[in-house]
Amino acid sequence: MTSPNPVPPPAQAPFIGRYRPIFYLALAGLFLLGLGIRFTNLTNPPLEFHPTRQLRSAIIARAIYYQMLPSADPTTRQMAIQLWSTLENLEPPNFERLVALTYLAAGGEYLWIPRVYSIIFWMIGGLALFDLARRMISRAGALVTLGYYLLLPFGAIVSRTFQPDSLMVMGIILSAWAIYRWSESPTWRWAILAGLLSGLTMFIKITAIFPLAPIAAATVLSRFGLRSALRNRQVWVMAFIMGIIPWVYYIGTIGSSSAGHFEFWSLSFAGLLLKPRFYVLWLNLLSDLMSLAVIVIGLVGIMLFSRITQRMLVLGWWVGYALYGFAFPYHIHTHEYYSLMLVPAIALSLAPVGELIINKVTLQPRVWQVFTLAALFLAIAYPSWIAYTGIKGVNYRDEILGWIKMGKALPSDGSIIALTHDYGFRVEYYGWHPVSYWPTSIDFNMDAERGDSGSPNFEQMFKEKTAGKDYFLVTLFGELDAQPALKDRLYNNYPIYAQGDGYVLFDLRHPKNP
């Protein structure tokens, strides 16, 4: 069923007609600035932002690369695959497979390659978001949307990391764009495209269902109403395509793993939702990442959209993010990248606010227009400089040399348990050694957040975790000091097998006091 009266696009702001050269100059400048910031320090090792998540993807991509590399040394290939096999299967390795294929084409494993891909994904998302804002509001408002999306320091840093989140955000934006285009002109072409883009995005990362489901539902209901929507074949086909693609993998392929992951990370932390402290921490994190003032302005901007379909689409995006936070209460206030999907929602919500201000400024005397340009320059220059210095100012090239050197010194004749960085991923990726992980204070605090009562019994935990292990590696000495029982047990009961710059290795096979 198609609508005989497709929704016409909004009239463009008078700003474009009067200042067309300035508009196109600003548009090109934003894209070039956004690209320039992100390509800074491109070859820096992926340790600047949630290295646990990035190194996990690096381990997977390396294993796929050595699987496909005909000339790979069999021992190296086997070790790469073994390290991958120790990781929990959470989502399909789509991004990692793409990176591995590019490793083959490039002739080697270069970690700047996934950075480039993540940047490209984010910029494509920016183009789609600009067009969505242009269709909803105007080109002037879309310029404000694009500026926030590209120059937010948090977005600039995360959009160059080796994790599938940039790809997911791109998919969410493209899906929202296609859904809105379908609402403007409800044809089979747009219905199928919206379903495919949404389904593929949820296949990439199932958590995309939280914004996409409310976006689609709110748009459909506001455009057609419940009764007409239920009779619309396009709606049913679009919903079926959206659901069947991720269902095949997350339910049909890894259903038990998906259920266990959700039960542990969502249901077991549900008690946090009843604590005011949880909401304060969540808001504090959002304020640090995106500015609470801008978030409030964005929320107000929702009601400035002229059409109910536009308002409901954007509101659905915000509601989806809130539901995401309720579903994963621990991660939403401790892991910054869990809020990445909110960045384009805020940016889109700023479009009508930006249009209102720009149109008002164009009616002012020349002196006030110059003053506004100076203020806008400051609004662009400051976050750009913060993002640039935040990316440029970190260098982990020397650190990874230490991990490589340590990896060569570690024995290969036994299994290792480690109190070490990033759940052992630095040892595994740069040192090529599989390790079991000894929990840190963060893990104990997380257990407390889940409602586990009492401190873990050290004797029982040490016996269970070191069973069958030959060595105990320590690289987190501050954490070792925070666990005096463990420190006492290691130094007083086991000889030091090896030590070097930043690590000490204890021999569990020959205790001093058997």
Protein backbone atom coordinates (compact mmCIF):
# COMPACT_ATOMS: atom_id res chain seq x y z
CA MET A 1 0.00 0.00 0.00
CA THR A 2 1.45 3.37 -0.95
CA SER A 3 0.40 6.82 0.12
CA PRO A 4 -1.11 8.99 -2.64
CA ASN A 5 0.18 12.10 -0.91
CA PRO A 6 3.89 11.78 -0.15
CA VAL A 7 5.23 14.27 2.37
CA PRO A 8 6.99 17.21 0.66
CA PRO A 9 10.45 18.21 1.86
CA PRO A 10 10.69 21.26 4.12
CA ALA A 11 11.42 24.65 2.64
CA GLN A 12 15.04 25.66 2.88
CA ALA A 13 16.13 28.46 5.19
CA PRO A 14 16.76 31.90 3.65
CA PHE A 15 20.34 31.62 4.94
CA ILE A 16 21.25 29.35 2.02
CA GLY A 17 20.02 31.74 -0.64
CA ARG A 18 21.86 34.73 0.80
CA TYR A 19 25.09 33.05 1.93
CA ARG A 20 25.43 30.06 -0.40
CA PRO A 21 29.26 30.35 -0.79
CA ILE A 22 29.71 30.52 2.98
CA PHE A 23 27.51 27.46 3.42
CA TYR A 24 29.48 25.30 1.00
CA LEU A 25 32.78 26.55 2.42
CA ALA A 26 31.63 25.67 5.93
CA LEU A 27 30.41 22.25 4.77
CA ALA A 28 33.72 21.39 3.12
CA GLY A 29 35.64 22.81 6.05
CA LEU A 30 33.78 20.65 8.58
CA PHE A 31 34.46 17.47 6.63
CA LEU A 32 38.12 18.27 6.11
CA LEU A 33 38.55 19.24 9.76
CA GLY A 34 36.79 16.10 10.93
CA LEU A 35 38.99 13.95 8.71
CA GLY A 36 42.17 15.76 9.67
CA ILE A 37 41.56 15.31 13.39
CA ARG A 38 40.86 11.60 12.99
CA PHE A 39 43.85 10.86 10.78
CA THR A 40 46.20 12.39 13.37
CA ASN A 41 48.60 9.88 14.96
CA LEU A 42 47.12 7.15 12.79
CA THR A 43 49.76 4.49 13.52
CA ASN A 44 49.56 4.80 17.31
CA PRO A 45 48.87 1.36 18.87
CA PRO A 46 45.22 0.85 19.85
CA LEU A 47 45.67 1.39 23.58
CA GLU A 48 44.29 4.91 23.93
CA PHE A 49 40.62 3.97 24.43
CA HIS A 50 39.26 0.78 26.01
CA PRO A 51 42.22 -1.35 24.85
CA THR A 52 40.45 -4.49 26.07
CA ARG A 53 37.79 -4.03 23.39
CA GLN A 54 40.23 -3.02 20.68
CA LEU A 55 42.76 -5.78 21.34
CA ARG A 56 39.95 -8.33 21.33
CA SER A 57 39.14 -7.32 17.75
CA ALA A 58 42.85 -7.28 16.90
CA ILE A 59 43.26 -10.88 18.15
CA ILE A 60 40.28 -12.02 16.08
CA ALA A 61 41.41 -10.21 12.93
CA ARG A 62 44.92 -11.63 13.26
CA ALA A 63 43.57 -15.18 13.59
CA ILE A 64 41.40 -14.80 10.49
CA TYR A 65 44.36 -13.30 8.63
CA TYR A 66 46.65 -16.21 9.45
CA GLN A 67 43.88 -18.66 8.58
CA MET A 68 43.72 -17.20 5.09
CA LEU A 69 47.45 -16.52 4.60
CA PRO A 70 48.87 -19.38 2.49
CA SER A 71 52.48 -18.73 3.47
CA ALA A 72 51.84 -18.51 7.23
CA ASP A 73 54.05 -20.54 9.52
CA PRO A 74 51.91 -23.46 10.82
CA THR A 75 52.95 -22.88 14.43
CA THR A 76 52.14 -19.17 14.21
CA ARG A 77 48.81 -19.90 12.55
CA GLN A 78 47.91 -22.41 15.23
CA MET A 79 48.76 -20.01 18.05
CA ALA A 80 46.77 -17.18 16.46
CA ILE A 81 43.73 -19.43 16.13
CA GLN A 82 44.20 -20.74 19.68
CA LEU A 83 44.20 -17.21 21.09
CA TRP A 84 40.97 -16.47 19.20
CA SER A 85 39.35 -19.67 20.46
CA THR A 86 39.66 -18.48 24.07
CA LEU A 87 37.36 -15.48 23.40
CA GLU A 88 33.64 -15.57 24.02
CA ASN A 89 31.49 -15.50 20.89
CA LEU A 90 29.45 -12.31 21.29
CA GLU A 91 28.85 -11.03 17.76
CA PRO A 92 29.79 -12.01 14.21
CA PRO A 93 33.36 -10.95 13.32
CA ASN A 94 32.25 -8.89 10.32
CA PHE A 95 34.56 -5.95 10.90
CA GLU A 96 37.46 -8.19 11.87
CA ARG A 97 37.02 -10.27 8.71
CA LEU A 98 37.03 -7.14 6.57
CA VAL A 99 40.24 -6.02 8.28
CA ALA A 100 41.84 -9.46 7.81
CA LEU A 101 41.05 -9.38 4.10
CA THR A 102 42.66 -5.96 3.88
CA TYR A 103 45.71 -7.32 5.74
CA LEU A 104 46.03 -9.87 2.93
CA ALA A 105 45.77 -7.20 0.25
CA ALA A 106 48.21 -4.90 2.09
CA GLY A 107 50.71 -7.71 2.64
CA GLY A 108 50.85 -7.53 6.43
CA GLU A 109 49.11 -6.91 9.73
CA TYR A 110 48.86 -3.13 10.11
CA LEU A 111 46.69 -1.86 12.93
CA TRP A 112 46.19 1.51 11.25
CA ILE A 113 43.97 -0.25 8.70
CA PRO A 114 41.01 -0.74 11.09
CA ARG A 115 41.45 2.89 12.18
CA VAL A 116 40.95 4.01 8.59
CA TYR A 117 37.88 1.84 8.22
CA SER A 118 36.33 3.18 11.43
CA ILE A 119 36.95 6.75 10.25
CA ILE A 120 35.35 6.01 6.89
CA PHE A 121 32.31 4.47 8.57
CA TRP A 122 31.89 7.52 10.80
CA MET A 123 32.21 9.95 7.90
CA ILE A 124 29.68 8.03 5.79
CA GLY A 125 27.35 8.20 8.76
CA GLY A 126 27.95 11.95 8.84
CA LEU A 127 26.87 12.31 5.21
CA ALA A 128 23.66 10.38 5.84
CA LEU A 129 22.97 12.34 9.03
CA PHE A 130 23.50 15.63 7.18
CA ASP A 131 21.04 14.60 4.49
CA LEU A 132 18.53 13.44 7.11
CA ALA A 133 18.74 16.77 8.95
CA ARG A 134 18.54 18.66 5.64
CA ARG A 135 15.34 16.85 4.70
CA MET A 136 13.80 17.30 8.13
CA ILE A 137 14.81 20.92 8.76
CA SER A 138 17.08 22.74 6.32
CA ARG A 139 20.66 22.86 5.11
CA ALA A 140 21.45 25.47 7.73
CA GLY A 141 20.21 23.23 10.53
CA ALA A 142 21.99 20.25 8.98
CA LEU A 143 25.26 22.18 9.15
CA VAL A 144 24.88 22.46 12.93
CA THR A 145 24.07 18.75 13.12
CA LEU A 146 27.17 17.85 11.15
CA GLY A 147 29.39 20.14 13.19
CA TYR A 148 28.43 18.52 16.47
CA TYR A 149 28.68 15.02 15.02
CA LEU A 150 32.16 15.52 13.54
CA LEU A 151 33.83 17.75 16.11
CA LEU A 152 32.68 16.30 19.44
CA PRO A 153 35.97 15.14 21.05
CA PHE A 154 34.40 11.95 22.39
CA GLY A 155 33.14 11.02 18.93
CA ALA A 156 36.46 11.90 17.31
CA ILE A 157 38.39 9.55 19.61
CA VAL A 158 35.97 6.61 19.51
CA SER A 159 35.39 6.82 15.76
CA ARG A 160 39.00 5.77 15.09
CA THR A 161 39.13 2.72 17.34
CA PHE A 162 39.23 -0.94 16.34
CA GLN A 163 35.75 -1.97 17.42
CA PRO A 164 32.50 -2.37 15.46
CA ASP A 165 30.79 0.62 17.05
CA SER A 166 31.56 3.10 14.25
CA LEU A 167 30.14 0.60 11.78
CA MET A 168 27.07 0.16 13.99
CA VAL A 169 26.51 3.92 14.32
CA MET A 170 26.81 4.30 10.55
CA GLY A 171 24.21 1.55 10.16
CA ILE A 172 21.85 3.18 12.66
CA ILE A 173 22.05 6.51 10.85
CA LEU A 174 21.58 4.94 7.41
CA SER A 175 18.64 2.93 8.73
CA ALA A 176 17.00 6.02 10.26
CA TRP A 177 17.59 7.87 6.99
CA ALA A 178 15.94 5.07 4.97
CA ILE A 179 13.01 4.83 7.41
CA TYR A 180 12.42 8.56 7.13
CA ARG A 181 12.65 8.42 3.34
CA TRP A 182 10.07 5.65 3.43
CA SER A 183 7.80 7.81 5.63
CA GLU A 184 8.11 10.61 3.03
CA SER A 185 7.36 8.28 0.14
CA PRO A 186 6.13 4.86 1.34
CA THR A 187 7.09 2.70 -1.61
CA TRP A 188 8.31 -0.90 -1.68
CA ARG A 189 11.82 0.24 -2.60
CA TRP A 190 12.22 2.31 0.55
CA ALA A 191 10.47 -0.28 2.74
CA ILE A 192 12.82 -3.06 1.64
CA LEU A 193 15.89 -0.82 1.89
CA ALA A 194 14.93 0.30 5.41
CA GLY A 195 14.40 -3.32 6.44
CA LEU A 196 17.70 -4.48 4.97
CA LEU A 197 19.75 -1.65 6.48
CA SER A 198 18.17 -2.10 9.90
CA GLY A 199 18.53 -5.89 9.84
CA LEU A 200 22.16 -5.74 8.76
CA THR A 201 22.94 -3.15 11.43
CA MET A 202 21.46 -5.37 14.12
CA PHE A 203 23.41 -8.29 12.65
CA ILE A 204 26.62 -6.28 13.02
CA LYS A 205 25.80 -5.56 16.66
CA ILE A 206 22.53 -6.70 18.17
CA THR A 207 22.38 -3.76 20.59
CA ALA A 208 21.42 -1.60 17.60
CA ILE A 209 17.93 -2.98 18.13
CA PHE A 210 17.43 -0.56 21.02
CA PRO A 211 17.40 2.64 18.91
CA LEU A 212 16.19 1.08 15.66
CA ALA A 213 13.07 -0.61 17.00
CA PRO A 214 11.69 2.59 18.62
CA ILE A 215 12.72 4.68 15.59
CA ALA A 216 10.83 2.38 13.24
CA ALA A 217 7.82 1.93 15.51
CA ALA A 218 7.46 5.64 16.29
CA THR A 219 7.79 6.60 12.62
CA VAL A 220 5.26 4.02 11.44
CA LEU A 221 2.67 4.86 14.09
CA SER A 222 2.98 8.62 13.67
CA ARG A 223 2.78 8.34 9.89
CA PHE A 224 -0.09 5.85 9.55
CA GLY A 225 -1.63 5.21 12.95
CA LEU A 226 -1.97 1.80 14.55
CA ARG A 227 -4.92 0.48 12.55
CA SER A 228 -3.57 1.47 9.13
CA ALA A 229 -0.07 0.28 10.04
CA LEU A 230 -1.37 -3.19 10.95
CA ARG A 231 -3.01 -3.43 7.51
CA ASN A 232 0.03 -2.15 5.62
CA ARG A 233 1.94 -4.95 3.88
CA GLN A 234 5.06 -2.82 3.57
CA VAL A 235 5.20 -2.44 7.35
CA TRP A 236 5.04 -6.19 7.86
CA VAL A 237 7.67 -6.93 5.22
CA MET A 238 9.98 -4.26 6.60
CA ALA A 239 9.59 -5.63 10.14
CA PHE A 240 10.19 -9.20 8.94
CA ILE A 241 13.41 -8.26 7.15
CA MET A 242 14.60 -6.29 10.17
CA GLY A 243 14.07 -9.24 12.46
CA ILE A 244 15.05 -12.26 10.40
CA ILE A 245 18.61 -11.16 9.59
CA PRO A 246 19.87 -10.83 13.21
CA TRP A 247 17.66 -13.72 14.37
CA VAL A 248 19.51 -16.21 12.17
CA TYR A 249 22.79 -15.50 13.97
CA TYR A 250 21.97 -14.38 17.50
CA ILE A 251 19.15 -16.87 18.09
CA GLY A 252 19.63 -19.59 15.52
CA THR A 253 23.44 -19.81 15.74
CA ILE A 254 24.61 -18.61 19.16
CA GLY A 255 21.31 -18.58 21.05
CA SER A 256 22.64 -20.05 24.29
CA SER A 257 25.62 -17.68 24.32
CA SER A 258 23.37 -14.67 23.65
CA ALA A 259 21.00 -15.68 26.44
CA GLY A 260 23.83 -16.20 28.91
CA HIS A 261 25.44 -12.89 28.02
CA PHE A 262 22.17 -11.01 28.47
CA GLU A 263 21.40 -12.78 31.73
CA PHE A 264 24.81 -11.95 33.22
CA TRP A 265 25.26 -8.38 32.00
CA SER A 266 21.64 -7.25 32.16
CA LEU A 267 19.45 -9.19 34.56
CA SER A 268 22.10 -9.63 37.24
CA PHE A 269 22.64 -5.85 37.40
CA ALA A 270 18.94 -4.93 37.38
CA GLY A 271 19.15 -3.87 41.03
CA LEU A 272 21.14 -0.80 39.96
CA LEU A 273 17.99 0.65 38.41
CA LEU A 274 16.56 1.16 41.89
CA LYS A 275 19.53 3.16 43.15
CA PRO A 276 19.65 6.98 42.66
CA ARG A 277 23.45 6.75 42.56
CA PHE A 278 23.22 4.86 39.26
CA TYR A 279 21.40 7.73 37.54
CA VAL A 280 23.80 10.31 38.95
CA LEU A 281 26.79 8.36 37.63
CA TRP A 282 25.10 7.94 34.25
CA LEU A 283 24.42 11.67 33.96
CA ASN A 284 27.94 12.50 35.14
CA LEU A 285 29.38 10.34 32.38
CA LEU A 286 27.13 11.91 29.74
CA SER A 287 28.04 15.37 30.97
CA ASP A 288 31.75 14.59 30.63
CA LEU A 289 31.34 13.10 27.17
CA MET A 290 28.77 15.33 25.51
CA SER A 291 27.99 18.26 27.84
CA LEU A 292 24.79 18.09 29.85
CA ALA A 293 23.80 21.57 28.61
CA VAL A 294 23.93 20.42 24.99
CA ILE A 295 21.95 17.30 25.89
CA VAL A 296 19.20 19.44 27.43
CA ILE A 297 19.18 21.73 24.38
CA GLY A 298 18.87 18.67 22.19
CA LEU A 299 15.91 17.39 24.19
CA VAL A 300 14.21 20.76 23.84
CA GLY A 301 15.02 20.71 20.14
CA ILE A 302 12.81 17.65 19.64
CA MET A 303 9.64 19.73 20.02
CA LEU A 304 10.90 22.26 17.43
CA PHE A 305 10.54 19.77 14.58
CA SER A 306 7.54 20.89 12.55
CA ARG A 307 6.02 17.48 11.76
CA ILE A 308 4.89 14.79 14.15
CA THR A 309 6.70 12.08 12.16
CA GLN A 310 9.99 13.93 12.56
CA ARG A 311 9.47 14.45 16.27
CA MET A 312 8.57 10.84 16.85
CA LEU A 313 11.53 9.50 14.87
CA VAL A 314 14.00 11.59 16.87
CA LEU A 315 12.20 10.89 20.14
CA GLY A 316 12.32 7.17 19.34
CA TRP A 317 16.09 7.45 18.99
CA TRP A 318 16.40 9.02 22.44
CA VAL A 319 13.99 6.54 24.00
CA GLY A 320 15.94 3.67 22.43
CA TYR A 321 19.15 4.88 24.04
CA ALA A 322 17.41 5.14 27.42
CA LEU A 323 16.10 1.58 27.07
CA TYR A 324 19.61 0.48 26.17
CA GLY A 325 20.90 1.99 29.40
CA PHE A 326 18.18 0.27 31.43
CA ALA A 327 19.01 -3.04 29.76
CA PHE A 328 22.75 -2.75 30.47
CA PRO A 329 22.94 -0.63 33.62
CA TYR A 330 26.51 -1.52 34.53
CA HIS A 331 28.04 -0.77 31.14
CA ILE A 332 26.04 2.40 30.48
CA HIS A 333 27.72 4.26 33.34
CA THR A 334 31.19 2.64 33.14
CA HIS A 335 31.86 2.13 29.41
CA GLU A 336 31.87 5.35 27.41
CA TYR A 337 31.34 3.76 24.01
CA TYR A 338 27.97 2.39 25.11
CA SER A 339 26.70 5.96 24.72
CA LEU A 340 28.09 6.41 21.21
CA MET A 341 24.68 5.83 19.59
CA LEU A 342 23.41 8.93 21.39
CA VAL A 343 25.82 11.26 19.56
CA PRO A 344 23.89 11.32 16.23
CA ALA A 345 20.58 11.60 18.13
CA ILE A 346 21.80 14.73 19.90
CA ALA A 347 23.28 16.09 16.69
CA LEU A 348 19.99 15.62 14.83
CA SER A 349 18.04 17.23 17.67
CA LEU A 350 20.22 20.33 17.38
CA ALA A 351 19.18 20.92 13.74
CA PRO A 352 15.98 22.93 14.46
CA VAL A 353 17.76 24.86 17.21
CA GLY A 354 20.58 25.71 14.83
CA GLU A 355 18.20 26.76 12.08
CA LEU A 356 16.30 29.01 14.49
CA ILE A 357 19.48 30.75 15.60
CA ILE A 358 20.98 31.08 12.11
CA ASN A 359 17.80 32.54 10.63
CA LYS A 360 17.59 35.00 13.50
CA VAL A 361 21.20 36.06 13.02
CA THR A 362 20.73 36.72 9.30
CA LEU A 363 18.18 39.42 10.20
CA GLN A 364 20.58 41.24 12.52
CA PRO A 365 22.89 44.17 11.62
CA ARG A 366 26.28 43.32 10.17
CA VAL A 367 28.14 43.90 13.44
CA TRP A 368 26.10 41.24 15.22
CA GLN A 369 26.59 38.83 12.36
CA VAL A 370 30.35 39.28 12.68
CA PHE A 371 30.08 38.76 16.42
CA THR A 372 28.14 35.53 15.84
CA LEU A 373 30.75 34.30 13.36
CA ALA A 374 33.43 34.87 15.97
CA ALA A 375 31.41 32.91 18.53
CA LEU A 376 30.89 30.09 16.02
CA PHE A 377 34.61 30.02 15.30
CA LEU A 378 35.26 29.58 19.01
CA ALA A 379 32.61 26.84 19.19
CA ILE A 380 34.42 25.00 16.37
CA ALA A 381 38.01 25.70 17.36
CA TYR A 382 37.78 24.65 21.01
CA PRO A 383 36.41 21.09 20.62
CA SER A 384 38.60 20.59 17.55
CA TRP A 385 41.69 21.48 19.56
CA ILE A 386 40.62 19.29 22.48
CA ALA A 387 40.06 16.35 20.14
CA TYR A 388 43.33 16.94 18.25
CA THR A 389 45.49 17.24 21.35
CA GLY A 390 43.76 14.27 22.96
CA ILE A 391 44.67 12.12 19.95
CA LYS A 392 48.09 13.62 19.26
CA GLY A 393 49.21 13.65 22.88
CA VAL A 394 49.34 9.88 23.43
CA ASN A 395 52.05 7.54 22.21
CA TYR A 396 52.12 3.83 23.02
CA ARG A 397 54.76 2.77 20.51
CA ASP A 398 57.46 2.31 23.14
CA GLU A 399 55.13 0.47 25.48
CA ILE A 400 54.29 -2.27 22.99
CA LEU A 401 58.02 -2.94 22.56
CA GLY A 402 58.07 -3.86 26.24
CA TRP A 403 55.14 -6.26 25.81
CA ILE A 404 56.83 -7.87 22.81
CA LYS A 405 60.08 -8.25 24.73
CA MET A 406 58.27 -9.71 27.73
CA GLY A 407 56.40 -12.15 25.50
CA LYS A 408 59.68 -13.51 24.18
CA ALA A 409 60.96 -14.01 27.72
CA LEU A 410 57.91 -15.88 28.99
CA PRO A 411 58.28 -19.68 29.17
CA SER A 412 56.40 -21.85 26.71
CA ASP A 413 56.53 -25.02 28.81
CA GLY A 414 53.53 -24.30 31.01
CA SER A 415 50.28 -22.40 31.50
CA ILE A 416 50.19 -18.90 32.97
CA ILE A 417 47.72 -17.06 35.17
CA ALA A 418 48.20 -13.31 35.24
CA LEU A 419 47.30 -10.20 37.16
CA THR A 420 47.77 -8.04 34.11
CA HIS A 421 46.42 -5.33 31.86
CA ASP A 422 43.22 -5.61 29.82
CA TYR A 423 42.19 -9.10 30.91
CA GLY A 424 45.43 -10.45 29.51
CA PHE A 425 44.89 -9.17 25.97
CA ARG A 426 48.15 -7.18 25.84
CA VAL A 427 50.10 -10.30 26.77
CA GLU A 428 48.15 -12.37 24.25
CA TYR A 429 48.30 -9.95 21.33
CA TYR A 430 51.80 -8.49 21.63
CA GLY A 431 53.38 -11.33 23.62
CA TRP A 432 51.68 -14.21 21.78
CA HIS A 433 51.00 -16.02 25.07
CA PRO A 434 47.59 -17.26 26.22
CA VAL A 435 46.96 -16.44 29.88
CA SER A 436 44.22 -16.98 32.42
CA TYR A 437 43.10 -13.83 34.17
CA TRP A 438 43.29 -13.10 37.90
CA PRO A 439 40.55 -10.60 38.87
CA THR A 440 41.31 -7.01 39.84
CA SER A 441 39.56 -4.63 42.21
CA ILE A 442 37.33 -3.53 39.33
CA ASP A 443 36.05 -7.10 39.01
CA PHE A 444 35.42 -7.37 42.74
CA ASN A 445 33.56 -4.03 42.69
CA MET A 446 31.52 -5.25 39.73
CA ASP A 447 30.52 -8.33 41.70
CA ALA A 448 29.42 -6.04 44.51
CA GLU A 449 27.33 -4.01 42.04
CA ARG A 450 25.62 -7.26 41.04
CA GLY A 451 24.66 -7.79 44.65
CA ASP A 452 27.16 -10.49 45.55
CA SER A 453 27.52 -10.34 49.32
CA GLY A 454 30.78 -10.63 51.18
CA SER A 455 34.38 -10.72 50.04
CA PRO A 456 35.61 -13.72 48.07
CA ASN A 457 37.40 -16.39 50.09
CA PHE A 458 41.01 -15.90 49.06
CA GLU A 459 42.21 -19.41 49.86
CA GLN A 460 39.45 -21.03 47.87
CA MET A 461 39.80 -18.59 44.96
CA PHE A 462 43.58 -18.99 44.81
CA LYS A 463 43.27 -22.77 44.84
CA GLU A 464 40.64 -22.80 42.10
CA LYS A 465 42.25 -20.28 39.77
CA THR A 466 45.81 -21.60 40.05
CA ALA A 467 44.81 -25.24 39.64
CA GLY A 468 46.77 -26.64 36.72
CA LYS A 469 48.75 -23.40 36.30
CA ASP A 470 52.55 -23.37 36.24
CA TYR A 471 53.33 -19.66 36.48
CA PHE A 472 51.83 -16.49 37.91
CA LEU A 473 52.56 -13.31 35.95
CA VAL A 474 52.17 -9.86 37.47
CA THR A 475 52.29 -6.60 35.50
CA LEU A 476 49.81 -4.57 37.61
CA PHE A 477 51.88 -3.88 40.71
CA GLY A 478 49.52 -1.24 42.06
CA GLU A 479 46.74 -3.79 41.88
CA LEU A 480 48.97 -6.35 43.58
CA ASP A 481 49.45 -3.90 46.46
CA ALA A 482 45.65 -3.57 46.66
CA GLN A 483 45.42 -7.35 47.22
CA PRO A 484 47.83 -7.93 50.15
CA ALA A 485 46.80 -11.56 50.61
CA LEU A 486 47.80 -12.36 47.04
CA LYS A 487 51.02 -10.39 47.30
CA ASP A 488 51.99 -12.16 50.50
CA ARG A 489 51.19 -15.57 49.03
CA LEU A 490 53.26 -15.02 45.89
CA TYR A 491 56.36 -13.43 47.40
CA ASN A 492 56.51 -15.62 50.49
CA ASN A 493 55.60 -18.97 48.98
CA TYR A 494 56.83 -19.06 45.39
CA PRO A 495 60.23 -18.39 43.82
CA ILE A 496 60.61 -15.74 41.13
CA TYR A 497 61.17 -17.51 37.84
CA ALA A 498 61.90 -14.35 35.81
CA GLN A 499 61.47 -10.62 36.02
CA GLY A 500 62.09 -7.66 33.82
CA ASP A 501 60.94 -4.16 33.00
CA GLY A 502 57.35 -4.01 34.20
CA TYR A 503 56.74 -7.64 35.11
CA VAL A 504 57.58 -10.45 37.49
CA LEU A 505 56.89 -14.15 36.93
CA PHE A 506 56.43 -16.55 39.84
CA ASP A 507 57.01 -20.30 39.59
CA LEU A 508 53.94 -22.09 40.93
CA ARG A 509 55.45 -25.53 40.30
CA HIS A 510 58.04 -25.29 43.07
CA PRO A 511 56.52 -23.65 46.17
CA LYS A 512 58.94 -22.68 48.93
CA ASN A 513 56.67 -24.20 51.59
CA PRO A 514 54.91 -27.22 50.03
